[in-house]
N, C-alpha and C. Protein backbone atom coordinates (compact mmCIF):
# COMPACT_ATOMS: atom_id res chain seq x y z
N MET A 1 64.54 101.97 54.46
CA MET A 1 65.49 101.12 53.27
C MET A 1 65.97 102.06 52.28
N TYR A 2 67.79 101.79 51.67
CA TYR A 2 67.99 102.55 50.65
C TYR A 2 69.11 100.91 49.63
N SER A 3 68.90 101.50 48.38
CA SER A 3 69.76 100.72 47.37
C SER A 3 70.78 101.59 47.11
N LEU A 4 71.50 100.63 46.74
CA LEU A 4 72.98 101.24 46.20
C LEU A 4 73.50 99.86 44.85
N LEU A 5 74.24 100.82 43.95
CA LEU A 5 74.67 100.31 42.60
C LEU A 5 76.02 100.62 42.26
N VAL A 6 77.03 99.62 41.96
CA VAL A 6 78.05 99.67 42.00
C VAL A 6 78.25 99.41 40.78
N SER A 7 79.02 100.14 39.73
CA SER A 7 79.32 99.96 38.31
C SER A 7 80.87 100.05 38.66
N ALA A 8 81.89 99.13 37.98
CA ALA A 8 82.84 98.86 37.51
C ALA A 8 83.20 98.01 36.38
N HIS A 9 84.24 98.22 35.92
CA HIS A 9 84.52 97.60 34.64
C HIS A 9 84.92 96.29 34.54
N ASP A 10 85.55 95.45 35.69
CA ASP A 10 85.82 94.34 36.26
C ASP A 10 84.97 93.87 37.28
N GLN A 11 85.07 92.65 37.60
CA GLN A 11 84.09 92.19 38.57
C GLN A 11 84.53 92.08 39.82
N PHE A 12 86.36 91.99 39.70
CA PHE A 12 86.56 91.97 40.89
C PHE A 12 86.82 93.33 41.53
N SER A 13 86.98 94.31 41.18
CA SER A 13 86.16 95.63 42.14
C SER A 13 85.01 95.54 42.27
N ILE A 14 83.64 95.09 41.82
CA ILE A 14 82.28 95.18 41.78
C ILE A 14 82.15 94.25 43.26
N THR A 15 83.06 93.06 43.03
CA THR A 15 82.88 91.96 44.15
C THR A 15 83.71 92.01 45.24
N THR A 16 84.68 93.14 45.47
CA THR A 16 85.40 93.91 46.44
C THR A 16 84.30 94.98 47.13
N ILE A 17 83.82 95.80 46.47
CA ILE A 17 83.22 96.68 47.11
C ILE A 17 81.62 96.21 47.44
N THR A 18 80.69 95.33 47.08
CA THR A 18 79.61 94.72 47.39
C THR A 18 80.00 93.67 48.72
N LYS A 19 81.01 92.81 48.87
CA LYS A 19 81.29 92.11 50.23
C LYS A 19 81.95 92.89 50.87
N ILE A 20 82.90 94.18 50.75
CA ILE A 20 83.57 94.50 52.02
C ILE A 20 82.54 94.87 53.37
N THR A 21 81.42 95.42 53.27
CA THR A 21 80.79 96.03 53.78
C THR A 21 79.52 95.32 54.07
N ASN A 22 78.70 95.56 55.16
CA ASN A 22 77.46 94.57 55.54
C ASN A 22 76.92 95.57 55.54
N TRP A 23 75.89 95.84 53.59
CA TRP A 23 75.46 96.69 53.65
C TRP A 23 73.87 96.86 54.41
N LYS A 24 73.59 95.71 55.08
CA LYS A 24 72.01 95.80 55.43
C LYS A 24 72.24 96.72 56.75
N LYS A 25 73.69 96.34 57.49
CA LYS A 25 73.70 96.92 58.62
C LYS A 25 73.63 98.71 58.77
N VAL A 26 74.39 98.96 57.15
CA VAL A 26 73.96 100.88 57.19
C VAL A 26 72.71 101.03 56.55
N ASN A 27 71.48 99.85 56.88
CA ASN A 27 70.50 100.55 56.04
C ASN A 27 70.11 100.18 54.45
N ILE A 28 71.47 99.45 53.75
CA ILE A 28 71.01 99.36 52.23
C ILE A 28 70.57 97.80 51.98
N ASP A 29 69.00 97.83 51.71
CA ASP A 29 68.49 96.38 51.54
C ASP A 29 68.63 95.86 50.27
N GLU A 30 69.37 96.29 49.20
CA GLU A 30 69.14 96.36 47.63
C GLU A 30 70.50 96.72 47.12
N VAL A 31 71.34 95.68 46.51
CA VAL A 31 72.94 96.26 46.27
C VAL A 31 72.84 95.40 44.87
N PHE A 32 73.13 96.76 43.45
CA PHE A 32 72.88 96.25 42.40
C PHE A 32 74.00 96.50 41.86
N GLU A 33 74.19 95.29 40.71
CA GLU A 33 75.76 95.58 40.27
C GLU A 33 75.51 95.29 38.55
N SER A 34 76.69 96.25 38.14
CA SER A 34 77.05 96.24 36.79
C SER A 34 78.43 96.56 36.22
N LYS A 35 78.68 95.85 35.01
CA LYS A 35 80.18 96.30 34.44
C LYS A 35 80.03 97.18 33.57
N ARG A 36 78.62 97.70 32.92
CA ARG A 36 79.00 98.95 31.73
C ARG A 36 78.21 99.92 32.00
N ILE A 37 78.24 100.72 31.37
CA ILE A 37 77.50 102.05 31.98
C ILE A 37 76.04 102.15 31.96
N ASP A 38 75.43 101.73 30.21
CA ASP A 38 74.22 101.61 29.93
C ASP A 38 74.02 100.58 30.61
N ASP A 39 74.26 99.31 30.96
CA ASP A 39 73.62 98.19 31.74
C ASP A 39 73.75 99.30 33.20
N ALA A 40 74.12 99.87 33.59
CA ALA A 40 74.09 101.11 34.90
C ALA A 40 72.54 101.71 34.95
N ILE A 41 72.79 102.86 33.97
CA ILE A 41 71.65 103.64 33.48
C ILE A 41 70.20 102.91 33.55
N LYS A 42 70.50 101.62 32.87
CA LYS A 42 69.26 100.90 32.92
C LYS A 42 68.36 100.45 33.99
N ILE A 43 69.56 99.78 35.28
CA ILE A 43 69.13 99.68 36.28
C ILE A 43 68.92 100.31 37.08
N ALA A 44 69.04 102.21 36.91
CA ALA A 44 68.42 102.99 37.63
C ALA A 44 67.59 103.58 37.09
N GLU A 45 67.07 103.35 35.79
CA GLU A 45 66.03 103.81 35.50
C GLU A 45 65.42 102.72 35.53
N ASP A 46 65.18 101.64 35.73
CA ASP A 46 64.00 100.48 36.36
C ASP A 46 63.85 100.63 38.18
N ASN A 47 64.72 100.99 38.52
CA ASN A 47 65.09 101.07 40.26
C ASN A 47 65.35 102.05 41.10
N ALA A 48 64.74 102.27 41.88
CA ALA A 48 64.99 103.63 43.00
C ALA A 48 66.37 103.63 42.83
N ILE A 49 67.40 103.91 43.15
CA ILE A 49 68.49 103.66 43.34
C ILE A 49 69.46 104.84 44.41
N ASP A 50 69.36 104.65 45.60
CA ASP A 50 69.88 105.77 46.43
C ASP A 50 71.41 106.50 46.04
N ILE A 51 72.02 105.42 45.81
CA ILE A 51 73.76 105.81 46.02
C ILE A 51 74.48 104.89 44.82
N PHE A 52 75.14 105.71 44.34
CA PHE A 52 76.00 105.13 42.95
C PHE A 52 77.60 105.48 43.68
N ILE A 53 78.64 104.16 42.93
CA ILE A 53 79.61 104.24 43.43
C ILE A 53 80.15 103.66 41.73
N PHE A 54 80.57 104.54 41.34
CA PHE A 54 81.36 104.07 40.06
C PHE A 54 82.89 104.18 39.98
N ASP A 55 83.43 103.28 39.08
CA ASP A 55 84.98 103.12 39.15
C ASP A 55 85.41 104.02 38.31
N MET A 56 86.19 105.09 38.29
CA MET A 56 86.58 105.79 36.97
C MET A 56 87.85 105.42 36.12
N ASP A 57 87.64 104.28 36.85
CA ASP A 57 88.27 103.42 35.09
C ASP A 57 87.83 103.18 34.18
N MET A 58 86.98 103.78 33.48
CA MET A 58 86.22 104.17 32.67
C MET A 58 86.60 104.53 31.19
N SER A 59 86.39 104.38 30.19
CA SER A 59 86.54 105.18 28.80
C SER A 59 85.81 106.52 29.05
N ALA A 60 86.22 107.67 28.54
CA ALA A 60 86.24 109.20 28.55
C ALA A 60 84.86 109.26 28.00
N ASP A 61 83.87 108.20 26.78
CA ASP A 61 82.70 107.84 26.47
C ASP A 61 81.96 108.04 27.36
N ASP A 62 82.29 106.68 28.27
CA ASP A 62 81.38 106.40 29.17
C ASP A 62 81.39 107.38 30.43
N MET A 63 82.21 108.06 31.26
CA MET A 63 82.06 108.61 31.90
C MET A 63 81.24 109.84 31.39
N LEU A 64 81.40 110.61 30.12
CA LEU A 64 80.22 111.56 29.59
C LEU A 64 78.94 110.52 29.47
N MET A 65 78.78 109.62 29.51
CA MET A 65 77.16 109.43 29.23
C MET A 65 76.83 109.01 30.40
N LEU A 66 77.57 108.85 31.24
CA LEU A 66 76.88 108.73 32.97
C LEU A 66 76.94 110.32 33.29
N LEU A 67 77.66 111.21 33.05
CA LEU A 67 77.56 112.30 33.58
C LEU A 67 76.45 113.10 32.61
N LYS A 68 76.06 112.76 31.51
CA LYS A 68 75.25 113.74 30.54
C LYS A 68 73.83 113.02 31.36
N TRP A 69 74.12 111.31 31.38
CA TRP A 69 72.38 110.99 32.08
C TRP A 69 71.82 111.52 33.39
N LEU A 70 73.04 111.41 34.20
CA LEU A 70 72.75 111.73 35.78
C LEU A 70 72.38 113.36 35.47
N GLN A 71 73.01 114.49 34.78
CA GLN A 71 72.18 115.35 34.57
C GLN A 71 70.90 115.88 34.03
N GLU A 72 70.68 114.97 32.86
CA GLU A 72 69.12 115.06 32.35
C GLU A 72 68.28 114.09 33.44
N SER A 73 68.72 113.55 33.85
CA SER A 73 67.60 112.95 34.82
C SER A 73 67.40 113.48 35.77
N LYS A 74 68.03 114.51 36.11
CA LYS A 74 68.04 115.29 37.65
C LYS A 74 67.87 114.11 38.51
N ASN A 75 68.71 113.59 38.48
CA ASN A 75 68.58 112.23 39.34
C ASN A 75 69.65 113.04 40.72
N LEU A 76 68.73 113.05 41.94
CA LEU A 76 69.09 113.13 43.12
C LEU A 76 70.00 112.49 43.71
N SER A 77 70.24 110.93 43.69
CA SER A 77 71.64 109.80 44.05
C SER A 77 72.26 110.92 44.36
N LYS A 78 73.09 110.21 45.32
CA LYS A 78 74.51 110.44 45.98
C LYS A 78 75.40 109.39 45.17
N THR A 79 76.49 110.22 44.87
CA THR A 79 77.32 109.68 44.02
C THR A 79 78.29 109.32 43.76
N ILE A 80 79.16 108.08 44.29
CA ILE A 80 80.71 107.88 44.59
C ILE A 80 81.79 107.66 43.94
N LEU A 81 82.67 108.17 43.39
CA LEU A 81 83.41 108.02 42.34
C LEU A 81 84.87 107.31 42.63
N ILE A 82 84.98 106.32 42.63
CA ILE A 82 86.61 105.90 43.16
C ILE A 82 87.76 105.80 42.10
N VAL A 83 88.71 105.98 42.63
CA VAL A 83 89.59 106.18 41.53
C VAL A 83 90.97 105.29 42.12
N LYS A 84 91.61 104.60 41.49
CA LYS A 84 92.02 103.36 42.48
C LYS A 84 93.98 103.85 41.71
N GLU A 85 93.76 104.79 40.47
CA GLU A 85 94.92 104.85 39.98
C GLU A 85 95.81 105.87 40.46
N GLU A 86 97.50 106.01 40.64
CA GLU A 86 98.07 107.03 40.76
C GLU A 86 98.35 108.35 40.93
N GLN A 87 97.84 107.82 38.79
CA GLN A 87 97.90 109.21 38.10
C GLN A 87 97.15 110.16 38.41
N TYR A 88 95.87 110.10 39.22
CA TYR A 88 94.70 110.75 39.27
C TYR A 88 95.21 111.46 41.33
């Protein structure tokens, strides 16, 4: 079984991602949620996260914090970045 962490700036995005899929059907038995990058990092440090889903609609500072943490932690988890803006 696997674990998933969804981090987005708004609860609507988090709920949409976490409720749209039957995660148990794809062998994901734990789904964690976070609205802030520092909270997501804390969750990842305390739990073995296999898949990260991050909303790209975050501040540049948060994105840099996330990328720095992923690099420094040598985390081998799969990371999915979601972009929902037309400008990207």
